[in-house]
Amino acid sequence: MRRPAVTGALIVAATAAAALSATPAFAGDNDLVLTRLGKISNDLNGDPVAVAGQNLEFRSLVSELGVVLAPRLLTPSDTLGFGGFQFSADVGYTSISSDASWWRALASSPDPTAMGGVEHGSNTMPTLGLFVRKGMWFPIPSVEVGAGFVHLMDSTMWAAQTYAKVGIHEGYHDLPVPSVSVRGGASRLMGSNQLDLTVASLDVEISKQLGIAGTWALTPYGGWNVLFIVPRSEVLDATPGVDSLVAGNEQDSQLNFVFKDQDNIIRNRFFFGAKMQYYVFELTLEAAFALKGSSVDDRGGTDVACMLDSTTTSCDSTDQAGAQSTLTASLGLDF
């Protein structure tokens, strides 16, 4: 038998949750509320019956977030050498398309229902990183490994990161030839119960160390970097204020949803910077530029392109992330 009062409450709860998605008191401005990217469908009676995750917006959101939390670079081509190690701390600022509709998922958004043209938060995301790096001697010389973490400030999210670098050509500082290296890294998102995110990185880099007055070393560097961003959605509750175990609320369980697994997102970055070192003290400044997203999630059985505010998940979503820039400064000790 229909319960009008309960059904009415479900409708109100579903609408309010999708539009406002009340966040926990401890959430920071840069935390995510992914339920805002769900489109609720109603039956002929106006009752909420299903939620469709917006694949296009989800893909674009995690593409830009993946660049924010991408593996740190911040080192020239030359490895630290066998026995060498480094401790460092850094701060970075990465731009995002804060007026794009997908960033209404930010906890700080003043209008979570806006589909575009509204600044949902700051247009830059600050991050803080701590790392340790070590030169190694494996069967191959000139190997460097590192690990650390990057915290997205004003949020509960952080990323564990690691990398390995192989120096292909290095050490000829008295000759007018650069050092060359190849590096692979990975970043794994922690601290979010809504999103599972992994970012793999591969880059090729050149650098040249220059001596200054016999005491300083200045090493400019630059290179190309490709990112492979792998997002996975956790189960999301579009009506967190409604208990589906309460009698009469059974239909609320149909409003739990996940974003469909998508093809990997690919982003290309170009970076350049300079490391300045005096004795064991080092300062590194770096700028990185990510080209706008263009990769497509090719959903089987359809050639239809996803649209904003779509009511179906059976469509191909194109990454619409904008071009992004990252400015990073690092202070460290080289031993």
Protein backbone atom coordinates (compact mmCIF):
# COMPACT_ATOMS: atom_id res chain seq x y z
CA MET A 1 0.00 0.00 0.00
CA ARG A 2 1.26 3.47 -0.84
CA ARG A 3 2.41 5.67 2.00
CA PRO A 4 1.99 9.25 0.69
CA ALA A 5 3.80 10.90 3.57
CA VAL A 6 6.82 8.62 3.29
CA THR A 7 6.90 8.86 -0.51
CA GLY A 8 6.70 12.62 -0.32
CA ALA A 9 9.57 12.68 2.12
CA LEU A 10 11.63 10.55 -0.25
CA ILE A 11 11.00 12.94 -3.13
CA VAL A 12 12.04 15.93 -1.05
CA ALA A 13 15.09 14.10 0.30
CA ALA A 14 16.19 12.94 -3.13
CA THR A 15 15.86 16.39 -4.63
CA ALA A 16 17.64 18.09 -1.75
CA ALA A 17 20.43 15.51 -1.68
CA ALA A 18 21.11 15.81 -5.39
CA ALA A 19 21.09 19.60 -5.30
CA LEU A 20 22.74 20.36 -1.99
CA SER A 21 24.22 17.04 -0.85
CA ALA A 22 24.86 18.07 2.72
CA THR A 23 28.47 17.46 3.62
CA PRO A 24 29.95 16.30 6.93
CA ALA A 25 31.02 19.02 9.34
CA PHE A 26 34.66 18.00 9.00
CA ALA A 27 34.72 18.30 5.19
CA GLY A 28 37.03 20.95 3.75
CA ASP A 29 36.28 23.27 0.86
CA ASN A 30 38.27 21.05 -1.54
CA ASP A 31 36.59 17.79 -0.55
CA LEU A 32 34.27 16.13 -3.07
CA VAL A 33 30.53 15.46 -2.96
CA LEU A 34 30.17 13.21 -6.01
CA THR A 35 26.43 12.62 -5.50
CA ARG A 36 25.93 16.08 -6.98
CA LEU A 37 26.93 14.60 -10.33
CA GLY A 38 24.00 12.16 -10.25
CA LYS A 39 20.79 12.75 -12.22
CA ILE A 40 17.67 11.48 -10.41
CA SER A 41 14.84 10.08 -12.55
CA ASN A 42 11.23 9.99 -11.35
CA ASP A 43 8.35 7.71 -12.33
CA LEU A 44 4.96 8.92 -13.59
CA ASN A 45 3.89 9.56 -10.01
CA GLY A 46 6.87 11.81 -9.43
CA ASP A 47 8.62 9.32 -7.16
CA PRO A 48 12.44 9.00 -7.45
CA VAL A 49 13.27 5.58 -8.89
CA ALA A 50 16.85 5.70 -10.24
CA VAL A 51 20.03 7.75 -10.42
CA ALA A 52 22.26 8.08 -13.50
CA GLY A 53 25.85 9.12 -12.87
CA GLN A 54 26.96 11.87 -15.24
CA ASN A 55 29.83 10.10 -17.02
CA LEU A 56 31.02 13.15 -18.93
CA GLU A 57 31.28 15.32 -15.84
CA PHE A 58 32.83 12.54 -13.77
CA ARG A 59 35.51 11.97 -16.41
CA SER A 60 36.33 15.67 -16.69
CA LEU A 61 36.39 16.13 -12.90
CA VAL A 62 38.80 13.27 -12.19
CA SER A 63 40.94 14.30 -15.16
CA GLU A 64 41.60 17.71 -13.62
CA LEU A 65 41.94 16.26 -10.10
CA GLY A 66 44.39 13.69 -11.48
CA VAL A 67 46.65 16.51 -12.69
CA VAL A 68 46.44 18.16 -9.25
CA LEU A 69 47.57 14.93 -7.53
CA ALA A 70 49.89 13.69 -10.29
CA PRO A 71 53.31 12.29 -9.33
CA ARG A 72 55.72 15.07 -8.45
CA LEU A 73 58.67 15.74 -10.80
CA LEU A 74 60.93 18.40 -9.24
CA THR A 75 64.34 16.85 -10.00
CA PRO A 76 66.89 17.27 -12.82
CA SER A 77 67.98 14.35 -14.98
CA ASP A 78 71.10 13.58 -12.93
CA THR A 79 70.46 10.96 -10.26
CA LEU A 80 71.70 11.48 -6.70
CA GLY A 81 74.44 8.89 -7.16
CA PHE A 82 75.12 5.74 -5.20
CA GLY A 83 74.87 6.59 -1.51
CA GLY A 84 73.26 9.98 -2.11
CA PHE A 85 69.89 10.89 -0.64
CA GLN A 86 67.60 13.89 -0.34
CA PHE A 87 64.85 15.11 1.98
CA SER A 88 62.50 17.78 0.63
CA ALA A 89 59.25 19.63 1.22
CA ASP A 90 57.31 21.41 -1.48
CA VAL A 91 54.21 23.48 -2.10
CA GLY A 92 52.35 23.55 -5.41
CA TYR A 93 49.44 25.41 -6.98
CA THR A 94 47.49 23.82 -9.85
CA SER A 95 44.82 25.58 -11.87
CA ILE A 96 41.38 24.04 -12.44
CA SER A 97 38.31 25.01 -14.48
CA SER A 98 36.42 26.10 -11.37
CA ASP A 99 33.52 27.52 -13.41
CA ALA A 100 32.90 24.21 -15.20
CA SER A 101 29.77 22.28 -14.21
CA TRP A 102 31.69 19.25 -12.89
CA TRP A 103 33.29 21.29 -10.12
CA ARG A 104 29.89 21.74 -8.48
CA ALA A 105 31.01 18.54 -6.76
CA LEU A 106 33.30 20.71 -4.60
CA ALA A 107 32.09 20.99 -1.02
CA SER A 108 32.71 24.75 -1.25
CA SER A 109 30.38 25.28 -4.23
CA PRO A 110 27.96 28.15 -3.52
CA ASP A 111 25.47 26.73 -6.07
CA PRO A 112 25.69 22.92 -6.45
CA THR A 113 22.84 22.96 -9.01
CA ALA A 114 24.58 25.31 -11.46
CA MET A 115 25.54 23.71 -14.78
CA GLY A 116 28.11 26.33 -15.80
CA GLY A 117 29.18 29.93 -15.48
CA VAL A 118 29.44 29.81 -11.67
CA GLU A 119 32.72 29.81 -9.77
CA HIS A 120 32.35 26.74 -7.58
CA GLY A 121 35.54 27.49 -5.67
CA SER A 122 39.05 28.82 -6.11
CA ASN A 123 40.55 28.42 -9.59
CA THR A 124 43.71 26.95 -8.05
CA MET A 125 44.23 23.99 -5.75
CA PRO A 126 47.16 24.13 -3.30
CA THR A 127 49.08 20.99 -2.40
CA LEU A 128 51.83 20.24 0.11
CA GLY A 129 54.37 17.46 -0.43
CA LEU A 130 57.06 15.69 1.60
CA PHE A 131 59.55 13.35 -0.09
CA VAL A 132 62.67 11.29 0.43
CA ARG A 133 64.86 10.33 -2.55
CA LYS A 134 67.76 7.87 -2.68
CA GLY A 135 70.42 6.98 -5.22
CA MET A 136 70.72 3.23 -5.73
CA TRP A 137 73.08 0.68 -7.23
CA PHE A 138 71.16 -2.09 -8.92
CA PRO A 139 72.53 -4.17 -11.79
CA ILE A 140 72.10 -0.88 -13.66
CA PRO A 141 74.00 2.17 -12.36
CA SER A 142 72.50 5.67 -12.20
CA VAL A 143 69.20 4.68 -10.58
CA GLU A 144 67.22 6.86 -8.21
CA VAL A 145 64.05 6.01 -6.29
CA GLY A 146 61.79 8.18 -4.19
CA ALA A 147 58.61 8.12 -2.14
CA GLY A 148 56.44 10.54 -0.24
CA PHE A 149 52.99 12.03 -0.09
CA VAL A 150 51.07 15.01 -1.41
CA HIS A 151 48.20 16.55 0.56
CA LEU A 152 45.41 18.51 -1.10
CA MET A 153 45.08 21.38 1.32
CA ASP A 154 41.68 22.23 2.82
CA SER A 155 40.54 18.65 2.29
CA THR A 156 40.85 15.18 3.79
CA MET A 157 42.49 13.87 0.60
CA TRP A 158 46.14 13.01 0.12
CA ALA A 159 48.12 10.87 -2.29
CA ALA A 160 50.89 8.35 -1.60
CA GLN A 161 53.51 8.63 -4.34
CA THR A 162 56.59 6.77 -5.52
CA TYR A 163 58.89 6.82 -8.54
CA ALA A 164 62.00 5.30 -10.09
CA LYS A 165 64.38 7.16 -12.42
CA VAL A 166 67.13 5.82 -14.66
CA GLY A 167 69.89 8.13 -15.87
CA ILE A 168 70.56 7.28 -19.51
CA HIS A 169 73.34 9.83 -19.91
CA GLU A 170 74.67 11.91 -17.01
CA GLY A 171 77.71 13.33 -15.28
CA TYR A 172 79.50 15.02 -18.20
CA HIS A 173 79.22 18.47 -16.67
CA ASP A 174 82.38 19.83 -18.31
CA LEU A 175 81.08 19.07 -21.80
CA PRO A 176 78.33 20.97 -23.66
CA VAL A 177 75.98 17.97 -23.62
CA PRO A 178 72.89 17.49 -21.44
CA SER A 179 72.03 14.71 -19.05
CA VAL A 180 69.07 12.53 -20.06
CA SER A 181 66.79 10.38 -17.90
CA VAL A 182 63.58 8.37 -17.99
CA ARG A 183 61.29 8.18 -14.97
CA GLY A 184 58.14 6.28 -14.04
CA GLY A 185 55.93 7.14 -11.10
CA ALA A 186 52.59 6.42 -9.46
CA SER A 187 50.19 8.32 -7.23
CA ARG A 188 47.41 6.71 -5.21
CA LEU A 189 44.57 8.74 -3.68
CA MET A 190 43.84 8.24 0.03
CA GLY A 191 41.32 9.83 2.35
CA SER A 192 38.22 9.73 0.14
CA ASN A 193 35.31 7.33 0.65
CA GLN A 194 33.76 8.35 -2.67
CA LEU A 195 36.59 8.03 -5.18
CA ASP A 196 39.32 5.51 -5.96
CA LEU A 197 41.98 7.25 -8.07
CA THR A 198 45.34 6.06 -9.40
CA VAL A 199 47.65 8.17 -11.57
CA ALA A 200 50.59 6.58 -13.39
CA SER A 201 53.30 8.77 -14.90
CA LEU A 202 56.08 8.40 -17.46
CA ASP A 203 58.46 11.18 -18.47
CA VAL A 204 61.62 11.90 -20.45
CA GLU A 205 63.82 14.72 -19.19
CA ILE A 206 67.00 16.61 -20.06
CA SER A 207 69.06 18.90 -17.83
CA LYS A 208 72.45 20.60 -17.63
CA GLN A 209 74.36 21.43 -14.46
CA LEU A 210 76.18 24.78 -14.41
CA GLY A 211 78.73 25.81 -11.81
CA ILE A 212 78.59 29.34 -10.36
CA ALA A 213 81.63 30.84 -8.62
CA GLY A 214 82.79 27.40 -7.61
CA THR A 215 80.22 27.17 -4.80
CA TRP A 216 76.75 27.22 -6.37
CA ALA A 217 75.27 24.74 -8.82
CA LEU A 218 72.43 25.77 -11.10
CA THR A 219 70.69 22.99 -13.03
CA PRO A 220 67.95 23.97 -15.48
CA TYR A 221 65.82 21.08 -16.74
CA GLY A 222 62.78 20.32 -18.85
CA GLY A 223 60.85 17.48 -20.39
CA TRP A 224 57.65 15.79 -21.46
CA ASN A 225 55.35 13.79 -19.19
CA VAL A 226 52.32 11.59 -19.92
CA LEU A 227 49.74 10.77 -17.24
CA PHE A 228 47.46 7.73 -17.16
CA ILE A 229 44.55 8.51 -14.83
CA VAL A 230 42.46 5.55 -13.64
CA PRO A 231 39.28 6.55 -11.74
CA ARG A 232 36.85 4.23 -9.98
CA SER A 233 33.72 5.30 -8.15
CA GLU A 234 32.71 3.96 -4.76
CA VAL A 235 29.02 3.27 -4.06
CA LEU A 236 27.27 6.62 -3.59
CA ASP A 237 24.05 7.33 -1.71
CA ALA A 238 21.98 10.02 -3.40
CA THR A 239 19.77 10.32 -0.30
CA PRO A 240 22.10 10.04 2.71
CA GLY A 241 19.38 11.36 5.03
CA VAL A 242 16.98 8.49 4.29
CA ASP A 243 17.40 5.05 5.91
CA SER A 244 16.30 2.34 3.46
CA LEU A 245 16.04 -0.15 6.34
CA VAL A 246 13.14 1.77 7.86
CA ALA A 247 9.74 0.34 6.94
CA GLY A 248 8.30 2.20 3.97
CA ASN A 249 11.69 3.44 2.74
CA GLU A 250 12.67 0.24 0.90
CA GLN A 251 12.65 1.94 -2.51
CA ASP A 252 15.37 4.31 -1.34
CA SER A 253 17.97 1.56 -1.90
CA GLN A 254 17.40 2.07 -5.64
CA LEU A 255 18.96 5.51 -5.29
CA ASN A 256 22.41 4.14 -4.52
CA PHE A 257 24.64 4.34 -7.59
CA VAL A 258 28.19 4.20 -8.94
CA PHE A 259 29.80 5.89 -11.89
CA LYS A 260 30.56 3.37 -14.61
CA ASP A 261 34.19 2.26 -14.88
CA GLN A 262 35.79 4.26 -17.68
CA ASP A 263 38.68 3.87 -20.06
CA ASN A 264 41.93 5.36 -18.77
CA ILE A 265 42.27 9.12 -19.06
CA ILE A 266 45.44 10.34 -20.77
CA ARG A 267 46.90 13.80 -20.17
CA ASN A 268 50.13 15.25 -21.56
CA ARG A 269 52.33 17.68 -19.63
CA PHE A 270 55.39 19.72 -20.49
CA PHE A 271 57.57 20.94 -17.65
CA PHE A 272 60.65 23.01 -17.00
CA GLY A 273 62.42 24.22 -13.90
CA ALA A 274 65.72 24.87 -12.20
CA LYS A 275 67.47 23.44 -9.16
CA MET A 276 69.84 25.72 -7.23
CA GLN A 277 72.18 24.11 -4.72
CA TYR A 278 74.67 25.46 -2.19
CA TYR A 279 76.48 22.87 -0.09
CA VAL A 280 73.66 20.51 1.04
CA PHE A 281 70.86 23.07 0.66
CA GLU A 282 68.73 23.06 -2.47
CA LEU A 283 65.86 25.12 -3.88
CA THR A 284 63.89 23.92 -6.91
CA LEU A 285 61.35 25.96 -8.86
CA GLU A 286 59.20 24.30 -11.52
CA ALA A 287 56.34 25.06 -13.91
CA ALA A 288 54.30 22.32 -15.59
CA PHE A 289 51.64 22.73 -18.27
CA ALA A 290 49.01 20.06 -18.97
CA LEU A 291 47.26 20.18 -22.34
CA LYS A 292 43.46 20.07 -22.26
CA GLY A 293 41.83 16.67 -22.06
CA SER A 294 40.63 14.86 -25.17
CA SER A 295 40.51 11.12 -24.37
CA VAL A 296 37.21 9.29 -24.87
CA ASP A 297 35.52 6.59 -22.82
CA ASP A 298 34.24 4.34 -25.63
CA ARG A 299 31.19 2.62 -24.16
CA GLY A 300 30.29 -0.65 -25.87
CA GLY A 301 27.04 -0.87 -27.80
CA THR A 302 26.60 2.84 -28.46
CA ASP A 303 28.02 5.66 -30.55
CA VAL A 304 26.01 8.35 -28.77
CA ALA A 305 28.07 11.09 -27.14
CA CYS A 306 27.30 11.91 -23.51
CA MET A 307 25.67 15.28 -22.88
CA LEU A 308 25.57 17.43 -19.78
CA ASP A 309 22.68 16.54 -17.45
CA SER A 310 22.16 13.21 -19.27
CA THR A 311 19.63 10.69 -17.94
CA THR A 312 21.54 7.68 -19.32
CA THR A 313 24.94 6.12 -18.74
CA SER A 314 24.89 4.37 -22.13
CA CYS A 315 26.96 6.97 -23.96
CA ASP A 316 30.56 7.83 -24.84
CA SER A 317 32.07 10.52 -22.62
CA THR A 318 34.83 12.82 -23.87
CA ASP A 319 37.23 14.39 -21.40
CA GLN A 320 36.48 18.11 -21.44
CA ALA A 321 39.09 19.11 -18.85
CA GLY A 322 40.73 22.42 -19.60
CA ALA A 323 44.44 23.10 -19.94
CA GLN A 324 46.10 23.31 -16.53
CA SER A 325 49.28 24.78 -15.10
CA THR A 326 51.17 23.87 -11.94
CA LEU A 327 53.73 26.04 -10.17
CA THR A 328 55.81 24.29 -7.50
CA ALA A 329 58.60 25.32 -5.14
CA SER A 330 60.69 22.79 -3.21
CA LEU A 331 63.24 23.15 -0.39
CA GLY A 332 65.47 20.26 0.54
CA LEU A 333 68.71 18.83 1.83
CA ASP A 334 70.99 16.82 -0.49
CA PHE A 335 73.53 14.50 1.14
